[in-house]
Protein backbone atom coordinates (compact mmCIF):
# COMPACT_ATOMS: atom_id res chain seq x y z
CA MET A 1 -91.32 20.38 7.03
CA HIS A 2 -94.51 20.74 4.95
CA GLN A 3 -93.10 18.45 2.26
CA ALA A 4 -92.46 15.72 4.83
CA GLY A 5 -96.01 16.06 6.12
CA LEU A 6 -97.40 15.84 2.61
CA ILE A 7 -95.45 12.68 1.87
CA ARG A 8 -96.51 11.12 5.18
CA ALA A 9 -100.15 11.95 4.41
CA ILE A 10 -99.91 10.39 0.94
CA ALA A 11 -98.33 7.26 2.42
CA CYS A 12 -101.13 7.01 4.99
CA ALA A 13 -103.74 7.44 2.27
CA LEU A 14 -102.15 4.62 0.25
CA ASP A 15 -102.22 2.37 3.32
CA CYS A 16 -105.92 3.19 3.82
CA LEU A 17 -106.49 2.31 0.17
CA ALA A 18 -104.68 -0.97 0.82
CA GLY A 19 -107.14 -1.74 3.61
CA VAL A 20 -110.01 -1.18 1.20
CA ILE A 21 -108.35 -3.39 -1.42
CA ILE A 22 -107.76 -6.17 1.12
CA GLY A 23 -111.39 -6.05 2.24
CA VAL A 24 -113.02 -5.74 -1.18
CA ALA A 25 -110.81 -8.30 -2.91
CA ALA A 26 -110.91 -10.66 0.10
CA LEU A 27 -107.13 -10.97 0.26
CA PRO A 28 -105.60 -13.22 2.93
CA GLN A 29 -103.96 -10.38 4.88
CA SER A 30 -104.89 -8.45 8.02
CA ILE A 31 -106.66 -5.18 7.30
CA LEU A 32 -105.14 -3.76 10.48
CA LYS A 33 -101.65 -4.11 9.01
CA ALA A 34 -102.60 -3.00 5.52
CA ASP A 35 -99.74 -1.90 3.30
CA PHE A 36 -100.23 -0.83 -0.32
CA LYS A 37 -97.04 -2.47 -1.54
CA GLN A 38 -97.94 -5.80 0.11
CA ALA A 39 -101.52 -5.65 -1.16
CA ARG A 40 -100.26 -5.22 -4.73
CA ALA A 41 -97.79 -8.08 -4.23
CA LEU A 42 -100.58 -10.36 -2.96
CA LEU A 43 -102.74 -9.49 -5.95
CA ALA A 44 -99.86 -10.22 -8.31
CA ARG A 45 -99.36 -13.73 -6.86
CA ILE A 46 -102.96 -14.91 -7.31
CA ASN A 47 -103.58 -17.61 -9.90
CA GLY A 48 -106.85 -16.84 -11.68
CA ALA A 49 -107.39 -20.42 -12.82
CA ALA A 50 -108.24 -21.71 -9.33
CA ASN A 51 -111.88 -20.61 -8.98
CA ALA A 52 -114.30 -17.76 -9.67
CA GLU A 53 -113.12 -15.75 -6.63
CA ALA A 54 -109.49 -15.96 -7.78
CA LYS A 55 -110.53 -14.94 -11.29
CA ALA A 56 -112.30 -11.87 -9.87
CA GLN A 57 -109.18 -11.02 -7.82
CA VAL A 58 -106.96 -11.30 -10.91
CA ASP A 59 -109.38 -9.08 -12.84
CA PHE A 60 -109.32 -6.52 -10.01
CA ALA A 61 -105.49 -6.62 -9.94
CA ALA A 62 -105.32 -6.01 -13.70
CA ARG A 63 -107.70 -3.06 -13.44
CA LEU A 64 -105.75 -1.58 -10.52
CA GLU A 65 -102.40 -1.86 -12.30
CA SER A 66 -103.96 -0.45 -15.47
CA ALA A 67 -105.32 2.54 -13.54
CA ILE A 68 -101.94 3.18 -11.92
CA ALA A 69 -100.14 2.99 -15.27
CA ALA A 70 -102.72 5.21 -17.01
CA ARG A 71 -102.34 7.95 -14.40
CA GLY A 72 -98.56 7.94 -14.61
CA SER A 73 -98.25 7.47 -10.87
CA ALA A 74 -96.18 4.28 -10.82
CA GLY A 75 -93.46 5.94 -8.74
CA LEU A 76 -95.97 7.03 -6.13
CA ALA A 77 -97.50 3.56 -6.00
CA ARG A 78 -94.08 2.07 -5.17
CA MET A 79 -93.70 4.30 -2.14
CA ASP A 80 -93.32 2.30 1.06
CA ALA A 81 -94.11 4.57 3.99
CA ARG A 82 -92.69 2.24 6.61
CA SER A 83 -89.18 2.44 5.23
CA ALA A 84 -89.32 6.02 3.96
CA GLU A 85 -87.22 8.60 5.71
CA TYR A 86 -90.25 10.86 5.89
CA ALA A 87 -92.24 8.37 7.95
CA ARG A 88 -90.20 9.25 11.03
CA PRO A 89 -91.62 11.88 13.36
CA LEU A 90 -90.05 15.29 12.90
CA ARG A 91 -88.78 17.39 15.77
CA ALA A 92 -89.18 21.13 15.67
CA THR A 93 -86.15 23.09 16.72
CA ALA A 94 -86.56 26.41 18.46
CA GLU A 95 -83.96 29.04 17.69
């Protein structure tokens, strides 16, 4: 049960980080429905040749992906809490 709680907490922390990324990088997505996987996908689709803001977003995306790769946490970054089995509430059973 503690492992499930840990994974749920990590997933929530990644979603909070996604909200920060959306706000700081000015991504066209609702902060209220922030999802780390979607935020990374939005950053990956930006064309840096459009204007200075897009160039800054592309630079931010490259730095984020570089930081993820350097820490060896690519598997953790792919975690999608909304579809994970651990995201479901657990029920305690009394014996």
